Amino acid sequence: MATLYRLLTAEDDSAFCHKVSDALAKGWVLHGSPTFAWDQNANAMRCAQAVTKDIAAAYDPAMKLGAQ
């Protein structure tokens, strides 16, 4: 059994909320609070949310985490 970790990032808009909601619907669990930072180069607010998921398989660095 392995615990997987992902850090979801995107601009602060509804697409980010959908990205997190999609991960939750696929069994990922929120890990900590979201983080926000101003991206001066893009002139936009950026968001990040960590998520984790326990799986029955052994961890393999070649895994596509979003497909788990």
PDB file of N, CA and C in Angstrom:
ATOM      1  N   MET A   1       0.842  -1.170   0.000  1.00  0.00           N
ATOM      2  CA  MET A   1       0.000   0.000   0.000  1.00  0.00           C
ATOM      3  C   MET A   1       0.891   1.239   0.000  1.00  0.00           C
ATOM      4  N   ALA A   2       0.455   2.263  -0.705  1.00  0.00           N
ATOM      5  CA  ALA A   2       1.228   3.497  -0.790  1.00  0.00           C
ATOM      6  C   ALA A   2       0.302   4.694  -0.629  1.00  0.00           C
ATOM      7  N   THR A   3       0.847   5.771  -0.106  1.00  0.00           N
ATOM      8  CA  THR A   3       0.132   7.034  -0.049  1.00  0.00           C
ATOM      9  C   THR A   3       0.739   7.939  -1.115  1.00  0.00           C
ATOM     10  N   LEU A   4      -0.101   8.395  -2.022  1.00  0.00           N
ATOM     11  CA  LEU A   4       0.346   9.289  -3.096  1.00  0.00           C
ATOM     12  C   LEU A   4       0.105  10.738  -2.694  1.00  0.00           C
ATOM     13  N   TYR A   5       0.913  11.634  -3.223  1.00  0.00           N
ATOM     14  CA  TYR A   5       0.827  13.064  -2.930  1.00  0.00           C
ATOM     15  C   TYR A   5       0.847  13.837  -4.235  1.00  0.00           C
ATOM     16  N   ARG A   6      -0.041  14.805  -4.357  1.00  0.00           N
ATOM     17  CA  ARG A   6      -0.048  15.705  -5.518  1.00  0.00           C
ATOM     18  C   ARG A   6      -0.209  17.131  -5.009  1.00  0.00           C
ATOM     19  N   LEU A   7       0.387  18.066  -5.723  1.00  0.00           N
ATOM     20  CA  LEU A   7       0.171  19.478  -5.449  1.00  0.00           C
ATOM     21  C   LEU A   7      -0.502  20.061  -6.687  1.00  0.00           C
ATOM     22  N   LEU A   8      -1.778  20.374  -6.534  1.00  0.00           N
ATOM     23  CA  LEU A   8      -2.547  20.940  -7.633  1.00  0.00           C
ATOM     24  C   LEU A   8      -2.322  22.450  -7.645  1.00  0.00           C
ATOM     25  N   THR A   9      -2.004  22.999  -8.808  1.00  0.00           N
ATOM     26  CA  THR A   9      -1.755  24.432  -8.929  1.00  0.00           C
ATOM     27  C   THR A   9      -2.460  24.973 -10.159  1.00  0.00           C
ATOM     28  N   ALA A  10      -2.830  26.240 -10.086  1.00  0.00           N
ATOM     29  CA  ALA A  10      -3.444  26.911 -11.230  1.00  0.00           C
ATOM     30  C   ALA A  10      -3.725  28.352 -10.852  1.00  0.00           C
ATOM     31  N   GLU A  11      -4.147  29.113 -11.834  1.00  0.00           N
ATOM     32  CA  GLU A  11      -4.595  30.471 -11.580  1.00  0.00           C
ATOM     33  C   GLU A  11      -5.860  30.405 -10.719  1.00  0.00           C
ATOM     34  N   ASP A  12      -6.084  31.418  -9.915  1.00  0.00           N
ATOM     35  CA  ASP A  12      -7.248  31.456  -9.022  1.00  0.00           C
ATOM     36  C   ASP A  12      -8.505  31.769  -9.831  1.00  0.00           C
ATOM     37  N   ASP A  13      -9.120  30.707 -10.357  1.00  0.00           N
ATOM     38  CA  ASP A  13     -10.369  30.852 -11.107  1.00  0.00           C
ATOM     39  C   ASP A  13     -11.179  29.574 -10.934  1.00  0.00           C
ATOM     40  N   SER A  14     -12.315  29.506 -11.592  1.00  0.00           N
ATOM     41  CA  SER A  14     -13.173  28.329 -11.422  1.00  0.00           C
ATOM     42  C   SER A  14     -12.503  27.052 -11.920  1.00  0.00           C
ATOM     43  N   ALA A  15     -11.589  27.156 -12.871  1.00  0.00           N
ATOM     44  CA  ALA A  15     -10.890  25.959 -13.366  1.00  0.00           C
ATOM     45  C   ALA A  15     -10.092  25.299 -12.243  1.00  0.00           C
ATOM     46  N   PHE A  16      -9.500  26.110 -11.357  1.00  0.00           N
ATOM     47  CA  PHE A  16      -8.772  25.541 -10.223  1.00  0.00           C
ATOM     48  C   PHE A  16      -9.733  24.797  -9.303  1.00  0.00           C
ATOM     49  N   CYS A  17     -10.873  25.403  -9.018  1.00  0.00           N
ATOM     50  CA  CYS A  17     -11.868  24.751  -8.164  1.00  0.00           C
ATOM     51  C   CYS A  17     -12.334  23.438  -8.776  1.00  0.00           C
ATOM     52  N   HIS A  18     -12.519  23.406 -10.101  1.00  0.00           N
ATOM     53  CA  HIS A  18     -12.923  22.177 -10.777  1.00  0.00           C
ATOM     54  C   HIS A  18     -11.814  21.132 -10.706  1.00  0.00           C
ATOM     55  N   LYS A  19     -10.556  21.567 -10.804  1.00  0.00           N
ATOM     56  CA  LYS A  19      -9.424  20.632 -10.719  1.00  0.00           C
ATOM     57  C   LYS A  19      -9.409  19.954  -9.348  1.00  0.00           C
ATOM     58  N   VAL A  20      -9.596  20.731  -8.289  1.00  0.00           N
ATOM     59  CA  VAL A  20      -9.621  20.174  -6.933  1.00  0.00           C
ATOM     60  C   VAL A  20     -10.853  19.294  -6.750  1.00  0.00           C
ATOM     61  N   SER A  21     -12.014  19.753  -7.215  1.00  0.00           N
ATOM     62  CA  SER A  21     -13.248  18.966  -7.093  1.00  0.00           C
ATOM     63  C   SER A  21     -13.129  17.635  -7.825  1.00  0.00           C
ATOM     64  N   ASP A  22     -12.502  17.633  -8.990  1.00  0.00           N
ATOM     65  CA  ASP A  22     -12.305  16.397  -9.753  1.00  0.00           C
ATOM     66  C   ASP A  22     -11.421  15.427  -8.968  1.00  0.00           C
ATOM     67  N   ALA A  23     -10.355  15.937  -8.368  1.00  0.00           N
ATOM     68  CA  ALA A  23      -9.477  15.070  -7.567  1.00  0.00           C
ATOM     69  C   ALA A  23     -10.242  14.482  -6.376  1.00  0.00           C
ATOM     70  N   LEU A  24     -11.050  15.301  -5.710  1.00  0.00           N
ATOM     71  CA  LEU A  24     -11.836  14.802  -4.569  1.00  0.00           C
ATOM     72  C   LEU A  24     -12.825  13.736  -5.020  1.00  0.00           C
ATOM     73  N   ALA A  25     -13.445  13.929  -6.174  1.00  0.00           N
ATOM     74  CA  ALA A  25     -14.401  12.949  -6.697  1.00  0.00           C
ATOM     75  C   ALA A  25     -13.716  11.628  -7.041  1.00  0.00           C
ATOM     76  N   LYS A  26     -12.410  11.667  -7.307  1.00  0.00           N
ATOM     77  CA  LYS A  26     -11.649  10.459  -7.641  1.00  0.00           C
ATOM     78  C   LYS A  26     -10.991   9.837  -6.411  1.00  0.00           C
ATOM     79  N   GLY A  27     -11.368  10.306  -5.218  1.00  0.00           N
ATOM     80  CA  GLY A  27     -10.881   9.679  -3.991  1.00  0.00           C
ATOM     81  C   GLY A  27      -9.688  10.344  -3.338  1.00  0.00           C
ATOM     82  N   TRP A  28      -9.170  11.427  -3.903  1.00  0.00           N
ATOM     83  CA  TRP A  28      -8.080  12.152  -3.269  1.00  0.00           C
ATOM     84  C   TRP A  28      -8.647  12.914  -2.070  1.00  0.00           C
ATOM     85  N   VAL A  29      -7.809  13.192  -1.073  1.00  0.00           N
ATOM     86  CA  VAL A  29      -8.226  13.861   0.154  1.00  0.00           C
ATOM     87  C   VAL A  29      -7.387  15.124   0.317  1.00  0.00           C
ATOM     88  N   LEU A  30      -8.042  16.217   0.731  1.00  0.00           N
ATOM     89  CA  LEU A  30      -7.307  17.456   0.971  1.00  0.00           C
ATOM     90  C   LEU A  30      -6.237  17.230   2.027  1.00  0.00           C
ATOM     91  N   HIS A  31      -5.078  17.829   1.811  1.00  0.00           N
ATOM     92  CA  HIS A  31      -3.972  17.736   2.763  1.00  0.00           C
ATOM     93  C   HIS A  31      -3.546  19.165   3.099  1.00  0.00           C
ATOM     94  N   GLY A  32      -3.982  19.656   4.239  1.00  0.00           N
ATOM     95  CA  GLY A  32      -3.656  21.024   4.626  1.00  0.00           C
ATOM     96  C   GLY A  32      -4.566  22.038   3.952  1.00  0.00           C
ATOM     97  N   SER A  33      -4.230  23.289   4.135  1.00  0.00           N
ATOM     98  CA  SER A  33      -5.015  24.388   3.589  1.00  0.00           C
ATOM     99  C   SER A  33      -4.478  24.811   2.228  1.00  0.00           C
ATOM    100  N   PRO A  34      -5.325  25.443   1.416  1.00  0.00           N
ATOM    101  CA  PRO A  34      -4.830  25.960   0.141  1.00  0.00           C
ATOM    102  C   PRO A  34      -3.870  27.126   0.384  1.00  0.00           C
ATOM    103  N   THR A  35      -3.029  27.372  -0.596  1.00  0.00           N
ATOM    104  CA  THR A  35      -2.068  28.464  -0.543  1.00  0.00           C
ATOM    105  C   THR A  35      -2.290  29.364  -1.747  1.00  0.00           C
ATOM    106  N   PHE A  36      -2.114  30.650  -1.544  1.00  0.00           N
ATOM    107  CA  PHE A  36      -2.284  31.622  -2.614  1.00  0.00           C
ATOM    108  C   PHE A  36      -1.043  32.494  -2.692  1.00  0.00           C
ATOM    109  N   ALA A  37      -0.663  32.886  -3.908  1.00  0.00           N
ATOM    110  CA  ALA A  37       0.478  33.780  -4.099  1.00  0.00           C
ATOM    111  C   ALA A  37       0.262  34.590  -5.373  1.00  0.00           C
ATOM    112  N   TRP A  38       0.736  35.818  -5.356  1.00  0.00           N
ATOM    113  CA  TRP A  38       0.633  36.679  -6.516  1.00  0.00           C
ATOM    114  C   TRP A  38       1.769  36.351  -7.480  1.00  0.00           C
ATOM    115  N   ASP A  39       1.423  36.031  -8.732  1.00  0.00           N
ATOM    116  CA  ASP A  39       2.396  35.747  -9.791  1.00  0.00           C
ATOM    117  C   ASP A  39       2.592  37.042 -10.572  1.00  0.00           C
ATOM    118  N   GLN A  40       3.669  37.739 -10.267  1.00  0.00           N
ATOM    119  CA  GLN A  40       3.918  39.039 -10.876  1.00  0.00           C
ATOM    120  C   GLN A  40       4.134  38.924 -12.384  1.00  0.00           C
ATOM    121  N   ASN A  41       4.783  37.860 -12.838  1.00  0.00           N
ATOM    122  CA  ASN A  41       5.026  37.682 -14.278  1.00  0.00           C
ATOM    123  C   ASN A  41       3.733  37.516 -15.054  1.00  0.00           C
ATOM    124  N   ALA A  42       2.781  36.766 -14.483  1.00  0.00           N
ATOM    125  CA  ALA A  42       1.500  36.522 -15.156  1.00  0.00           C
ATOM    126  C   ALA A  42       0.449  37.552 -14.761  1.00  0.00           C
ATOM    127  N   ASN A  43       0.774  38.393 -13.777  1.00  0.00           N
ATOM    128  CA  ASN A  43      -0.170  39.388 -13.265  1.00  0.00           C
ATOM    129  C   ASN A  43      -1.474  38.717 -12.831  1.00  0.00           C
ATOM    130  N   ALA A  44      -1.326  37.646 -12.053  1.00  0.00           N
ATOM    131  CA  ALA A  44      -2.494  36.863 -11.628  1.00  0.00           C
ATOM    132  C   ALA A  44      -2.227  36.202 -10.281  1.00  0.00           C
ATOM    133  N   MET A  45      -3.304  35.924  -9.566  1.00  0.00           N
ATOM    134  CA  MET A  45      -3.209  35.174  -8.314  1.00  0.00           C
ATOM    135  C   MET A  45      -3.125  33.691  -8.660  1.00  0.00           C
ATOM    136  N   ARG A  46      -2.227  32.980  -8.007  1.00  0.00           N
ATOM    137  CA  ARG A  46      -2.057  31.537  -8.218  1.00  0.00           C
ATOM    138  C   ARG A  46      -2.476  30.813  -6.940  1.00  0.00           C
ATOM    139  N   CYS A  47      -3.024  29.613  -7.111  1.00  0.00           N
ATOM    140  CA  CYS A  47      -3.476  28.783  -5.989  1.00  0.00           C
ATOM    141  C   CYS A  47      -2.743  27.450  -6.009  1.00  0.00           C
ATOM    142  N   ALA A  48      -2.638  26.860  -4.839  1.00  0.00           N
ATOM    143  CA  ALA A  48      -2.084  25.510  -4.718  1.00  0.00           C
ATOM    144  C   ALA A  48      -2.850  24.782  -3.619  1.00  0.00           C
ATOM    145  N   GLN A  49      -3.131  23.512  -3.855  1.00  0.00           N
ATOM    146  CA  GLN A  49      -3.786  22.664  -2.855  1.00  0.00           C
ATOM    147  C   GLN A  49      -3.159  21.287  -2.911  1.00  0.00           C
ATOM    148  N   ALA A  50      -2.642  20.828  -1.780  1.00  0.00           N
ATOM    149  CA  ALA A  50      -2.082  19.483  -1.698  1.00  0.00           C
ATOM    150  C   ALA A  50      -3.219  18.492  -1.476  1.00  0.00           C
ATOM    151  N   VAL A  51      -3.093  17.320  -2.102  1.00  0.00           N
ATOM    152  CA  VAL A  51      -4.042  16.224  -1.923  1.00  0.00           C
ATOM    153  C   VAL A  51      -3.259  14.922  -1.794  1.00  0.00           C
ATOM    154  N   THR A  52      -3.829  13.954  -1.082  1.00  0.00           N
ATOM    155  CA  THR A  52      -3.211  12.642  -0.925  1.00  0.00           C
ATOM    156  C   THR A  52      -4.242  11.556  -1.222  1.00  0.00           C
ATOM    157  N   LYS A  53      -3.729  10.379  -1.515  1.00  0.00           N
ATOM    158  CA  LYS A  53      -4.610   9.238  -1.778  1.00  0.00           C
ATOM    159  C   LYS A  53      -3.870   7.951  -1.428  1.00  0.00           C
ATOM    160  N   ASP A  54      -4.527   7.072  -0.674  1.00  0.00           N
ATOM    161  CA  ASP A  54      -3.976   5.750  -0.374  1.00  0.00           C
ATOM    162  C   ASP A  54      -4.395   4.795  -1.479  1.00  0.00           C
ATOM    163  N   ILE A  55      -3.431   4.021  -1.983  1.00  0.00           N
ATOM    164  CA  ILE A  55      -3.720   3.031  -3.021  1.00  0.00           C
ATOM    165  C   ILE A  55      -3.175   1.676  -2.588  1.00  0.00           C
ATOM    166  N   ALA A  56      -3.730   0.618  -3.164  1.00  0.00           N
ATOM    167  CA  ALA A  56      -3.318  -0.739  -2.797  1.00  0.00           C
ATOM    168  C   ALA A  56      -1.997  -1.141  -3.448  1.00  0.00           C
ATOM    169  N   ALA A  57      -1.612  -0.499  -4.525  1.00  0.00           N
ATOM    170  CA  ALA A  57      -0.385  -0.852  -5.252  1.00  0.00           C
ATOM    171  C   ALA A  57       0.840  -0.228  -4.587  1.00  0.00           C
ATOM    172  N   ALA A  58       1.997  -0.735  -4.950  1.00  0.00           N
ATOM    173  CA  ALA A  58       3.253  -0.145  -4.501  1.00  0.00           C
ATOM    174  C   ALA A  58       3.516   1.127  -5.306  1.00  0.00           C
ATOM    175  N   TYR A  59       4.179   2.089  -4.703  1.00  0.00           N
ATOM    176  CA  TYR A  59       4.507   3.331  -5.398  1.00  0.00           C
ATOM    177  C   TYR A  59       5.518   3.067  -6.501  1.00  0.00           C
ATOM    178  N   ASP A  60       5.317   3.712  -7.633  1.00  0.00           N
ATOM    179  CA  ASP A  60       6.242   3.632  -8.761  1.00  0.00           C
ATOM    180  C   ASP A  60       6.396   5.034  -9.329  1.00  0.00           C
ATOM    181  N   PRO A  61       7.605   5.573  -9.414  1.00  0.00           N
ATOM    182  CA  PRO A  61       7.796   6.926  -9.906  1.00  0.00           C
ATOM    183  C   PRO A  61       7.278   7.140 -11.331  1.00  0.00           C
ATOM    184  N   ALA A  62       7.046   6.083 -12.064  1.00  0.00           N
ATOM    185  CA  ALA A  62       6.522   6.209 -13.429  1.00  0.00           C
ATOM    186  C   ALA A  62       4.995   6.392 -13.450  1.00  0.00           C
ATOM    187  N   MET A  63       4.348   6.305 -12.292  1.00  0.00           N
ATOM    188  CA  MET A  63       2.894   6.457 -12.228  1.00  0.00           C
ATOM    189  C   MET A  63       2.470   7.839 -12.716  1.00  0.00           C
ATOM    190  N   LYS A  64       1.352   7.885 -13.415  1.00  0.00           N
ATOM    191  CA  LYS A  64       0.707   9.163 -13.697  1.00  0.00           C
ATOM    192  C   LYS A  64      -0.240   9.397 -12.529  1.00  0.00           C
ATOM    193  N   LEU A  65       0.141  10.280 -11.634  1.00  0.00           N
ATOM    194  CA  LEU A  65      -0.602  10.454 -10.395  1.00  0.00           C
ATOM    195  C   LEU A  65      -2.064  10.844 -10.642  1.00  0.00           C
ATOM    196  N   GLY A  66      -2.319  11.685 -11.629  1.00  0.00           N
ATOM    197  CA  GLY A  66      -3.681  12.104 -11.919  1.00  0.00           C
ATOM    198  C   GLY A  66      -4.563  10.988 -12.399  1.00  0.00           C
ATOM    199  N   ALA A  67      -3.978   9.897 -12.864  1.00  0.00           N
ATOM    200  CA  ALA A  67      -4.731   8.758 -13.366  1.00  0.00           C
ATOM    201  C   ALA A  67      -5.037   7.738 -12.266  1.00  0.00           C
ATOM    202  N   GLN A  68      -4.531   7.979 -11.063  1.00  0.00           N
ATOM    203  CA  GLN A  68      -4.731   7.020  -9.958  1.00  0.00           C
ATOM    204  C   GLN A  68      -6.074   7.214  -9.311  1.00  0.00           C
TER     205      GLN A  68
END
